[in-house]
Amino acid sequence: MLAALVTVVAFGTSGNAYSSPTPQATILTAPLGQTVALGDLKIKIEDLRAATLADNPHHLPVAADENLIVMHVILSNNALPSFSGVVTYRLEDKNGYGPRTWERLNIQQRTTVHLHGLFAVGKDYVPTSLLVECSSCNASRYIAVQFTLPAPSSTISPSPNP
């Protein structure tokens, strides 16, 4: 099995940069850390937490009123000869708003891709879930997976600016 590492970055934490709530659709739900099959891809959010200096090796700038949140994702293609499409990630607060990022991927059969993503969010932003959408996963009636996050004190807490 092959593996690759891709870094995804989401910045822009003003109100205009946040996405609006997801339109009503059929969404799978799962706890953080569970592997979920969304059509042709298997998706697992390994980690979602406050970033440390080690998570930001390129020293991406962060404003004084922001925190960085790091995300580690594993995507596996075990079904198709090649998966080609866009996978979108969005942190959501209790109202369904939050920063969004995406990655255009081409994953060969029996290949696993490890993604490392950074979200810049306001210090008062409290995420409650991570929505993962796939543009071409052949997922029948499901269009996304919503990973629920544990309480903020145990997963994402204010941290020093990396």
N, C-alpha and C. Protein backbone atom coordinates (compact mmCIF):
# COMPACT_ATOMS: atom_id res chain seq x y z
N MET A 1 0.85 -1.17 0.00
CA MET A 1 0.00 0.00 0.00
C MET A 1 0.89 1.23 0.00
N LEU A 2 0.56 2.20 -0.84
CA LEU A 2 1.30 3.45 -0.91
C LEU A 2 0.69 4.47 0.03
N ALA A 3 1.48 5.43 0.45
CA ALA A 3 0.97 6.50 1.30
C ALA A 3 1.59 7.81 0.86
N ALA A 4 0.86 8.89 1.00
CA ALA A 4 1.34 10.22 0.66
C ALA A 4 0.93 11.18 1.75
N LEU A 5 1.67 12.29 1.89
CA LEU A 5 1.34 13.32 2.86
C LEU A 5 1.05 14.61 2.12
N VAL A 6 -0.08 15.21 2.39
CA VAL A 6 -0.50 16.45 1.75
C VAL A 6 -0.84 17.45 2.85
N THR A 7 -0.43 18.71 2.70
CA THR A 7 -0.77 19.74 3.67
C THR A 7 -1.85 20.63 3.10
N VAL A 8 -2.90 20.85 3.87
CA VAL A 8 -4.03 21.68 3.47
C VAL A 8 -4.11 22.82 4.49
N VAL A 9 -4.29 24.05 4.02
CA VAL A 9 -4.34 25.18 4.93
C VAL A 9 -5.62 25.98 4.70
N ALA A 10 -6.31 26.35 5.77
CA ALA A 10 -7.50 27.20 5.69
C ALA A 10 -7.27 28.44 6.53
N PHE A 11 -7.28 29.59 5.90
CA PHE A 11 -7.15 30.85 6.63
C PHE A 11 -8.32 31.75 6.30
N GLY A 12 -8.41 32.85 6.97
CA GLY A 12 -9.49 33.80 6.75
C GLY A 12 -10.55 33.57 7.79
N THR A 13 -10.46 34.31 8.88
CA THR A 13 -11.38 34.04 9.97
C THR A 13 -12.37 35.17 10.20
N SER A 14 -12.43 36.13 9.29
CA SER A 14 -13.45 37.16 9.45
C SER A 14 -14.80 36.53 9.16
N GLY A 15 -15.87 37.19 9.52
CA GLY A 15 -17.20 36.65 9.30
C GLY A 15 -17.45 36.29 7.85
N ASN A 16 -16.89 37.02 6.90
CA ASN A 16 -17.12 36.74 5.49
C ASN A 16 -16.42 35.48 5.01
N ALA A 17 -15.38 35.06 5.68
CA ALA A 17 -14.63 33.89 5.23
C ALA A 17 -15.26 32.59 5.71
N TYR A 18 -16.16 32.67 6.67
CA TYR A 18 -16.79 31.47 7.17
C TYR A 18 -17.90 31.04 6.24
N SER A 19 -18.10 29.76 6.15
CA SER A 19 -19.15 29.21 5.30
C SER A 19 -20.47 29.22 6.05
N SER A 20 -21.52 29.29 5.28
CA SER A 20 -22.85 29.23 5.88
C SER A 20 -23.21 27.79 6.19
N PRO A 21 -24.26 27.58 6.95
CA PRO A 21 -24.64 26.20 7.29
C PRO A 21 -24.90 25.36 6.04
N THR A 22 -24.71 24.06 6.20
CA THR A 22 -24.90 23.12 5.10
C THR A 22 -26.37 23.03 4.73
N PRO A 23 -26.68 23.03 3.42
CA PRO A 23 -28.08 22.82 3.03
C PRO A 23 -28.55 21.46 3.54
N GLN A 24 -29.86 21.31 3.71
CA GLN A 24 -30.39 20.05 4.21
C GLN A 24 -30.09 18.93 3.21
N ALA A 25 -29.47 17.89 3.67
CA ALA A 25 -29.11 16.73 2.85
C ALA A 25 -28.87 15.57 3.79
N THR A 26 -28.72 14.40 3.23
CA THR A 26 -28.45 13.22 4.05
C THR A 26 -26.96 13.17 4.37
N ILE A 27 -26.65 13.23 5.66
CA ILE A 27 -25.26 13.27 6.12
C ILE A 27 -25.05 12.15 7.12
N LEU A 28 -23.99 11.40 6.94
CA LEU A 28 -23.59 10.40 7.93
C LEU A 28 -23.00 11.11 9.13
N THR A 29 -23.14 10.55 10.31
CA THR A 29 -22.48 11.12 11.48
C THR A 29 -21.60 10.05 12.10
N ALA A 30 -20.48 10.50 12.68
CA ALA A 30 -19.54 9.58 13.30
C ALA A 30 -18.73 10.34 14.34
N PRO A 31 -18.25 9.65 15.36
CA PRO A 31 -17.37 10.32 16.32
C PRO A 31 -15.97 10.50 15.71
N LEU A 32 -15.27 11.48 16.20
CA LEU A 32 -13.89 11.72 15.78
C LEU A 32 -13.08 10.44 16.00
N GLY A 33 -12.26 10.06 15.03
CA GLY A 33 -11.42 8.87 15.15
C GLY A 33 -11.99 7.63 14.50
N GLN A 34 -13.27 7.62 14.16
CA GLN A 34 -13.88 6.46 13.51
C GLN A 34 -13.63 6.51 12.01
N THR A 35 -13.32 5.38 11.39
CA THR A 35 -13.19 5.29 9.94
C THR A 35 -14.57 5.11 9.34
N VAL A 36 -14.88 5.92 8.32
CA VAL A 36 -16.20 5.90 7.69
C VAL A 36 -16.02 5.71 6.19
N ALA A 37 -16.80 4.81 5.61
CA ALA A 37 -16.80 4.65 4.15
C ALA A 37 -17.82 5.62 3.58
N LEU A 38 -17.34 6.55 2.76
CA LEU A 38 -18.21 7.49 2.06
C LEU A 38 -18.09 7.14 0.59
N GLY A 39 -18.95 6.24 0.15
CA GLY A 39 -18.85 5.78 -1.23
C GLY A 39 -17.54 5.04 -1.45
N ASP A 40 -16.75 5.54 -2.40
CA ASP A 40 -15.51 4.87 -2.79
C ASP A 40 -14.33 5.14 -1.87
N LEU A 41 -14.43 6.11 -0.98
CA LEU A 41 -13.33 6.46 -0.09
C LEU A 41 -13.63 6.06 1.34
N LYS A 42 -12.57 5.71 2.06
CA LYS A 42 -12.65 5.54 3.51
C LYS A 42 -11.98 6.76 4.11
N ILE A 43 -12.66 7.38 5.08
CA ILE A 43 -12.20 8.62 5.67
C ILE A 43 -12.05 8.44 7.17
N LYS A 44 -10.93 8.89 7.72
CA LYS A 44 -10.73 8.87 9.17
C LYS A 44 -10.07 10.18 9.58
N ILE A 45 -10.67 10.86 10.55
CA ILE A 45 -10.07 12.05 11.13
C ILE A 45 -9.30 11.56 12.35
N GLU A 46 -7.98 11.46 12.22
CA GLU A 46 -7.16 10.94 13.31
C GLU A 46 -7.06 11.91 14.47
N ASP A 47 -6.99 13.21 14.15
CA ASP A 47 -6.71 14.20 15.18
C ASP A 47 -7.27 15.54 14.76
N LEU A 48 -7.81 16.28 15.70
CA LEU A 48 -8.28 17.65 15.49
C LEU A 48 -8.11 18.35 16.82
N ARG A 49 -7.13 19.27 16.88
CA ARG A 49 -6.77 19.88 18.17
C ARG A 49 -6.07 21.22 17.95
N ALA A 50 -5.80 21.91 19.04
CA ALA A 50 -5.03 23.15 18.97
C ALA A 50 -3.63 22.82 18.44
N ALA A 51 -3.15 23.62 17.51
CA ALA A 51 -1.84 23.38 16.90
C ALA A 51 -0.71 23.79 17.84
N THR A 52 0.41 23.12 17.69
CA THR A 52 1.64 23.46 18.40
C THR A 52 2.64 24.01 17.40
N LEU A 53 3.77 24.45 17.86
CA LEU A 53 4.82 24.94 16.95
C LEU A 53 5.23 23.86 15.95
N ALA A 54 5.27 22.63 16.38
CA ALA A 54 5.65 21.52 15.49
C ALA A 54 4.64 21.31 14.37
N ASP A 55 3.38 21.69 14.59
CA ASP A 55 2.34 21.53 13.57
C ASP A 55 2.40 22.62 12.51
N ASN A 56 3.16 23.67 12.75
CA ASN A 56 3.24 24.81 11.84
C ASN A 56 4.71 25.05 11.46
N PRO A 57 5.35 24.07 10.79
CA PRO A 57 6.78 24.18 10.50
C PRO A 57 7.13 25.32 9.55
N HIS A 58 6.18 25.75 8.74
CA HIS A 58 6.46 26.82 7.79
C HIS A 58 6.12 28.18 8.39
N HIS A 59 5.74 28.20 9.65
CA HIS A 59 5.44 29.43 10.39
C HIS A 59 4.44 30.29 9.65
N LEU A 60 3.32 29.67 9.26
CA LEU A 60 2.24 30.42 8.63
C LEU A 60 1.76 31.49 9.61
N PRO A 61 1.57 32.71 9.13
CA PRO A 61 1.22 33.80 10.05
C PRO A 61 -0.18 33.63 10.65
N VAL A 62 -0.28 33.96 11.92
CA VAL A 62 -1.54 33.90 12.64
C VAL A 62 -1.69 35.21 13.40
N ALA A 63 -2.83 35.86 13.27
CA ALA A 63 -3.08 37.11 13.98
C ALA A 63 -3.13 36.88 15.49
N ALA A 64 -2.92 37.94 16.24
CA ALA A 64 -2.91 37.84 17.71
C ALA A 64 -4.25 37.36 18.26
N ASP A 65 -5.34 37.64 17.56
CA ASP A 65 -6.66 37.23 18.05
C ASP A 65 -7.13 35.91 17.45
N GLU A 66 -6.19 35.11 16.94
CA GLU A 66 -6.52 33.82 16.33
C GLU A 66 -5.76 32.67 16.96
N ASN A 67 -6.30 31.49 16.80
CA ASN A 67 -5.65 30.23 17.15
C ASN A 67 -5.57 29.38 15.90
N LEU A 68 -4.60 28.49 15.86
CA LEU A 68 -4.53 27.50 14.79
C LEU A 68 -5.06 26.18 15.31
N ILE A 69 -5.84 25.51 14.48
CA ILE A 69 -6.32 24.17 14.79
C ILE A 69 -5.73 23.24 13.73
N VAL A 70 -5.15 22.14 14.16
CA VAL A 70 -4.54 21.19 13.23
C VAL A 70 -5.48 20.00 13.05
N MET A 71 -5.49 19.47 11.82
CA MET A 71 -6.33 18.32 11.48
C MET A 71 -5.44 17.29 10.78
N HIS A 72 -5.54 16.04 11.19
CA HIS A 72 -4.84 14.93 10.53
C HIS A 72 -5.91 13.98 9.99
N VAL A 73 -5.88 13.76 8.68
CA VAL A 73 -6.90 12.97 7.99
C VAL A 73 -6.23 11.83 7.24
N ILE A 74 -6.89 10.67 7.20
CA ILE A 74 -6.45 9.55 6.37
C ILE A 74 -7.57 9.24 5.38
N LEU A 75 -7.23 9.24 4.09
CA LEU A 75 -8.16 8.86 3.03
C LEU A 75 -7.62 7.62 2.34
N SER A 76 -8.46 6.62 2.13
CA SER A 76 -8.03 5.38 1.48
C SER A 76 -8.95 5.06 0.32
N ASN A 77 -8.35 4.64 -0.78
CA ASN A 77 -9.10 4.19 -1.95
C ASN A 77 -8.84 2.70 -2.12
N ASN A 78 -9.81 1.88 -1.79
CA ASN A 78 -9.67 0.44 -1.96
C ASN A 78 -10.57 -0.11 -3.05
N ALA A 79 -11.40 0.75 -3.66
CA ALA A 79 -12.41 0.25 -4.59
C ALA A 79 -12.11 0.55 -6.06
N LEU A 80 -11.82 1.78 -6.37
CA LEU A 80 -11.67 2.18 -7.77
C LEU A 80 -10.24 2.03 -8.25
N PRO A 81 -10.07 1.88 -9.56
CA PRO A 81 -8.70 1.93 -10.09
C PRO A 81 -8.04 3.27 -9.76
N SER A 82 -8.83 4.36 -9.74
CA SER A 82 -8.31 5.67 -9.37
C SER A 82 -9.48 6.53 -8.91
N PHE A 83 -9.33 7.19 -7.75
CA PHE A 83 -10.31 8.16 -7.31
C PHE A 83 -9.79 9.54 -7.67
N SER A 84 -10.60 10.33 -8.31
CA SER A 84 -10.23 11.69 -8.66
C SER A 84 -11.39 12.60 -8.29
N GLY A 85 -11.13 13.57 -7.43
CA GLY A 85 -12.21 14.47 -7.02
C GLY A 85 -11.76 15.45 -5.97
N VAL A 86 -12.71 16.23 -5.50
CA VAL A 86 -12.45 17.25 -4.49
C VAL A 86 -13.04 16.79 -3.17
N VAL A 87 -12.24 16.89 -2.11
CA VAL A 87 -12.71 16.61 -0.77
C VAL A 87 -12.66 17.93 0.00
N THR A 88 -13.79 18.29 0.62
CA THR A 88 -13.92 19.56 1.33
C THR A 88 -14.04 19.29 2.82
N TYR A 89 -13.38 20.12 3.63
CA TYR A 89 -13.40 20.00 5.08
C TYR A 89 -13.91 21.33 5.64
N ARG A 90 -14.86 21.28 6.57
CA ARG A 90 -15.34 22.50 7.20
C ARG A 90 -15.55 22.29 8.68
N LEU A 91 -14.88 23.11 9.49
CA LEU A 91 -15.17 23.15 10.91
C LEU A 91 -16.51 23.84 11.08
N GLU A 92 -17.31 23.37 12.02
CA GLU A 92 -18.60 23.98 12.26
C GLU A 92 -18.77 24.26 13.74
N ASP A 93 -19.35 25.42 14.05
CA ASP A 93 -19.71 25.71 15.42
C ASP A 93 -21.15 25.25 15.66
N LYS A 94 -21.72 25.58 16.80
CA LYS A 94 -23.07 25.11 17.12
C LYS A 94 -24.12 25.61 16.14
N ASN A 95 -23.82 26.69 15.39
CA ASN A 95 -24.75 27.24 14.41
C ASN A 95 -24.46 26.76 12.98
N GLY A 96 -23.45 25.92 12.82
CA GLY A 96 -23.12 25.39 11.51
C GLY A 96 -22.19 26.27 10.69
N TYR A 97 -21.57 27.27 11.32
CA TYR A 97 -20.66 28.16 10.60
C TYR A 97 -19.21 27.80 10.90
N GLY A 98 -18.32 28.05 9.93
CA GLY A 98 -16.91 27.82 10.19
C GLY A 98 -16.06 27.90 8.94
N PRO A 99 -14.75 27.86 9.11
CA PRO A 99 -13.83 27.93 7.98
C PRO A 99 -13.85 26.64 7.17
N ARG A 100 -13.60 26.79 5.88
CA ARG A 100 -13.63 25.66 4.96
C ARG A 100 -12.33 25.61 4.16
N THR A 101 -11.90 24.40 3.84
CA THR A 101 -10.77 24.21 2.94
C THR A 101 -11.06 22.98 2.10
N TRP A 102 -10.36 22.83 1.00
CA TRP A 102 -10.58 21.68 0.14
C TRP A 102 -9.28 21.29 -0.54
N GLU A 103 -9.29 20.09 -1.07
CA GLU A 103 -8.12 19.55 -1.77
C GLU A 103 -8.61 18.73 -2.95
N ARG A 104 -8.04 18.98 -4.13
CA ARG A 104 -8.30 18.15 -5.30
C ARG A 104 -7.32 16.99 -5.23
N LEU A 105 -7.85 15.78 -5.25
CA LEU A 105 -7.02 14.60 -5.04
C LEU A 105 -7.15 13.62 -6.20
N ASN A 106 -6.10 12.88 -6.42
CA ASN A 106 -6.10 11.74 -7.33
C ASN A 106 -5.44 10.61 -6.54
N ILE A 107 -6.23 9.66 -6.09
CA ILE A 107 -5.74 8.58 -5.24
C ILE A 107 -5.87 7.26 -5.99
N GLN A 108 -4.75 6.63 -6.24
CA GLN A 108 -4.74 5.35 -6.95
C GLN A 108 -5.31 4.25 -6.05
N GLN A 109 -5.73 3.16 -6.68
CA GLN A 109 -6.30 2.02 -5.95
C GLN A 109 -5.27 1.48 -4.95
N ARG A 110 -5.76 1.06 -3.79
CA ARG A 110 -4.94 0.52 -2.70
C ARG A 110 -3.90 1.53 -2.22
N THR A 111 -4.27 2.80 -2.23
CA THR A 111 -3.38 3.86 -1.77
C THR A 111 -4.05 4.63 -0.64
N THR A 112 -3.24 5.04 0.32
CA THR A 112 -3.70 5.84 1.44
C THR A 112 -3.01 7.19 1.39
N VAL A 113 -3.77 8.25 1.60
CA VAL A 113 -3.24 9.61 1.62
C VAL A 113 -3.42 10.17 3.02
N HIS A 114 -2.35 10.73 3.58
CA HIS A 114 -2.39 11.39 4.89
C HIS A 114 -2.41 12.89 4.65
N LEU A 115 -3.43 13.57 5.14
CA LEU A 115 -3.54 15.02 5.01
C LEU A 115 -3.29 15.69 6.35
N HIS A 116 -2.59 16.80 6.29
CA HIS A 116 -2.31 17.61 7.47
C HIS A 116 -2.89 18.99 7.14
N GLY A 117 -3.88 19.42 7.89
CA GLY A 117 -4.53 20.71 7.62
C GLY A 117 -4.45 21.64 8.80
N LEU A 118 -4.40 22.93 8.52
CA LEU A 118 -4.42 23.96 9.55
C LEU A 118 -5.59 24.91 9.30
N PHE A 119 -6.35 25.19 10.34
CA PHE A 119 -7.43 26.17 10.28
C PHE A 119 -7.07 27.32 11.20
N ALA A 120 -7.14 28.55 10.72
CA ALA A 120 -7.00 29.72 11.59
C ALA A 120 -8.40 30.15 11.99
N VAL A 121 -8.64 30.24 13.28
CA VAL A 121 -9.96 30.60 13.80
C VAL A 121 -9.80 31.66 14.88
N GLY A 122 -10.85 32.42 15.10
CA GLY A 122 -10.85 33.40 16.18
C GLY A 122 -10.69 32.70 17.52
N LYS A 123 -10.08 33.40 18.48
CA LYS A 123 -9.85 32.78 19.79
C LYS A 123 -11.15 32.35 20.48
N ASP A 124 -12.27 32.99 20.15
CA ASP A 124 -13.53 32.63 20.77
C ASP A 124 -14.34 31.62 19.97
N TYR A 125 -13.81 31.15 18.85
CA TYR A 125 -14.51 30.18 18.01
C TYR A 125 -14.46 28.80 18.68
N VAL A 126 -15.62 28.15 18.80
CA VAL A 126 -15.71 26.83 19.44
C VAL A 126 -16.30 25.84 18.44
N PRO A 127 -15.46 25.01 17.80
CA PRO A 127 -15.99 24.03 16.86
C PRO A 127 -16.70 22.89 17.57
N THR A 128 -17.78 22.40 16.95
CA THR A 128 -18.52 21.26 17.50
C THR A 128 -18.46 20.05 16.58
N SER A 129 -18.13 20.29 15.29
CA SER A 129 -18.05 19.17 14.35
C SER A 129 -17.14 19.54 13.18
N LEU A 130 -16.76 18.53 12.43
CA LEU A 130 -15.99 18.69 11.20
C LEU A 130 -16.77 17.99 10.10
N LEU A 131 -17.20 18.75 9.10
CA LEU A 131 -17.97 18.20 7.99
C LEU A 131 -17.01 17.89 6.85
N VAL A 132 -17.05 16.65 6.34
CA VAL A 132 -16.21 16.23 5.22
C VAL A 132 -17.14 15.87 4.07
N GLU A 133 -16.98 16.57 2.93
CA GLU A 133 -17.80 16.34 1.74
C GLU A 133 -16.90 15.85 0.61
N CYS A 134 -17.44 14.99 -0.23
CA CYS A 134 -16.69 14.43 -1.34
C CYS A 134 -17.47 14.67 -2.63
N SER A 135 -16.78 15.21 -3.64
CA SER A 135 -17.47 15.58 -4.89
C SER A 135 -17.84 14.39 -5.76
N SER A 136 -17.08 13.31 -5.67
CA SER A 136 -17.33 12.19 -6.59
C SER A 136 -17.05 10.85 -5.94
N CYS A 137 -17.57 10.65 -4.74
CA CYS A 137 -17.32 9.40 -4.02
C CYS A 137 -18.32 8.30 -4.33
N ASN A 138 -19.31 8.56 -5.19
CA ASN A 138 -20.33 7.56 -5.49
C ASN A 138 -20.95 7.03 -4.21
N ALA A 139 -21.37 7.94 -3.36
CA ALA A 139 -21.84 7.55 -2.03
C ALA A 139 -23.34 7.37 -1.95
N SER A 140 -23.99 7.05 -3.02
CA SER A 140 -25.44 6.85 -3.09
C SER A 140 -26.17 8.02 -2.44
N ARG A 141 -26.86 7.80 -1.35
CA ARG A 141 -27.68 8.87 -0.79
C ARG A 141 -26.93 9.79 0.16
N TYR A 142 -25.70 9.45 0.53
CA TYR A 142 -24.95 10.27 1.47
C TYR A 142 -24.03 11.22 0.71
N ILE A 143 -23.98 12.47 1.15
CA ILE A 143 -23.12 13.44 0.48
C ILE A 143 -21.95 13.87 1.35
N ALA A 144 -22.00 13.53 2.65
CA ALA A 144 -20.97 14.01 3.56
C ALA A 144 -20.95 13.17 4.82
N VAL A 145 -19.86 13.38 5.59
CA VAL A 145 -19.75 12.79 6.92
C VAL A 145 -19.52 13.94 7.89
N GLN A 146 -20.28 13.96 8.96
CA GLN A 146 -20.11 14.97 9.99
C GLN A 146 -19.50 14.29 11.21
N PHE A 147 -18.24 14.60 11.48
CA PHE A 147 -17.55 14.04 12.63
C PHE A 147 -17.82 14.93 13.83
N THR A 148 -18.37 14.35 14.89
CA THR A 148 -18.67 15.12 16.09
C THR A 148 -17.42 15.20 16.96
N LEU A 149 -17.25 16.35 17.60
CA LEU A 149 -16.07 16.59 18.41
C LEU A 149 -16.42 16.48 19.89
N PRO A 150 -15.49 16.00 20.69
CA PRO A 150 -15.70 16.00 22.14
C PRO A 150 -15.80 17.45 22.65
N ALA A 151 -16.15 17.60 23.90
CA ALA A 151 -16.26 18.93 24.50
C ALA A 151 -14.97 19.73 24.28
N PRO A 152 -15.09 21.04 24.09
CA PRO A 152 -13.93 21.87 23.78
C PRO A 152 -12.78 21.75 24.76
N SER A 153 -13.05 21.54 26.03
CA SER A 153 -11.96 21.47 27.01
C SER A 153 -11.06 20.27 26.79
N SER A 154 -11.58 19.21 26.13
CA SER A 154 -10.77 18.01 25.95
C SER A 154 -10.13 17.90 24.57
N THR A 155 -10.60 18.67 23.58
CA THR A 155 -10.04 18.56 22.25
C THR A 155 -9.34 19.82 21.80
N ILE A 156 -10.07 20.92 21.76
CA ILE A 156 -9.53 22.15 21.21
C ILE A 156 -9.67 23.23 22.27
N SER A 157 -8.56 23.65 22.81
CA SER A 157 -8.59 24.69 23.82
C SER A 157 -7.63 25.79 23.39
N PRO A 158 -7.83 27.00 23.91
CA PRO A 158 -6.92 28.07 23.54
C PRO A 158 -5.49 27.66 23.82
N SER A 159 -4.62 27.96 22.89
CA SER A 159 -3.23 27.61 23.03
C SER A 159 -2.39 28.80 22.61
N PRO A 160 -1.14 28.82 22.99
CA PRO A 160 -0.28 29.90 22.54
C PRO A 160 -0.19 29.88 21.02
N ASN A 161 -0.05 31.03 20.43
CA ASN A 161 0.08 31.13 18.99
C ASN A 161 1.31 30.38 18.53
N PRO A 162 1.16 29.40 17.64
CA PRO A 162 2.34 28.71 17.12
C PRO A 162 3.09 29.60 16.17
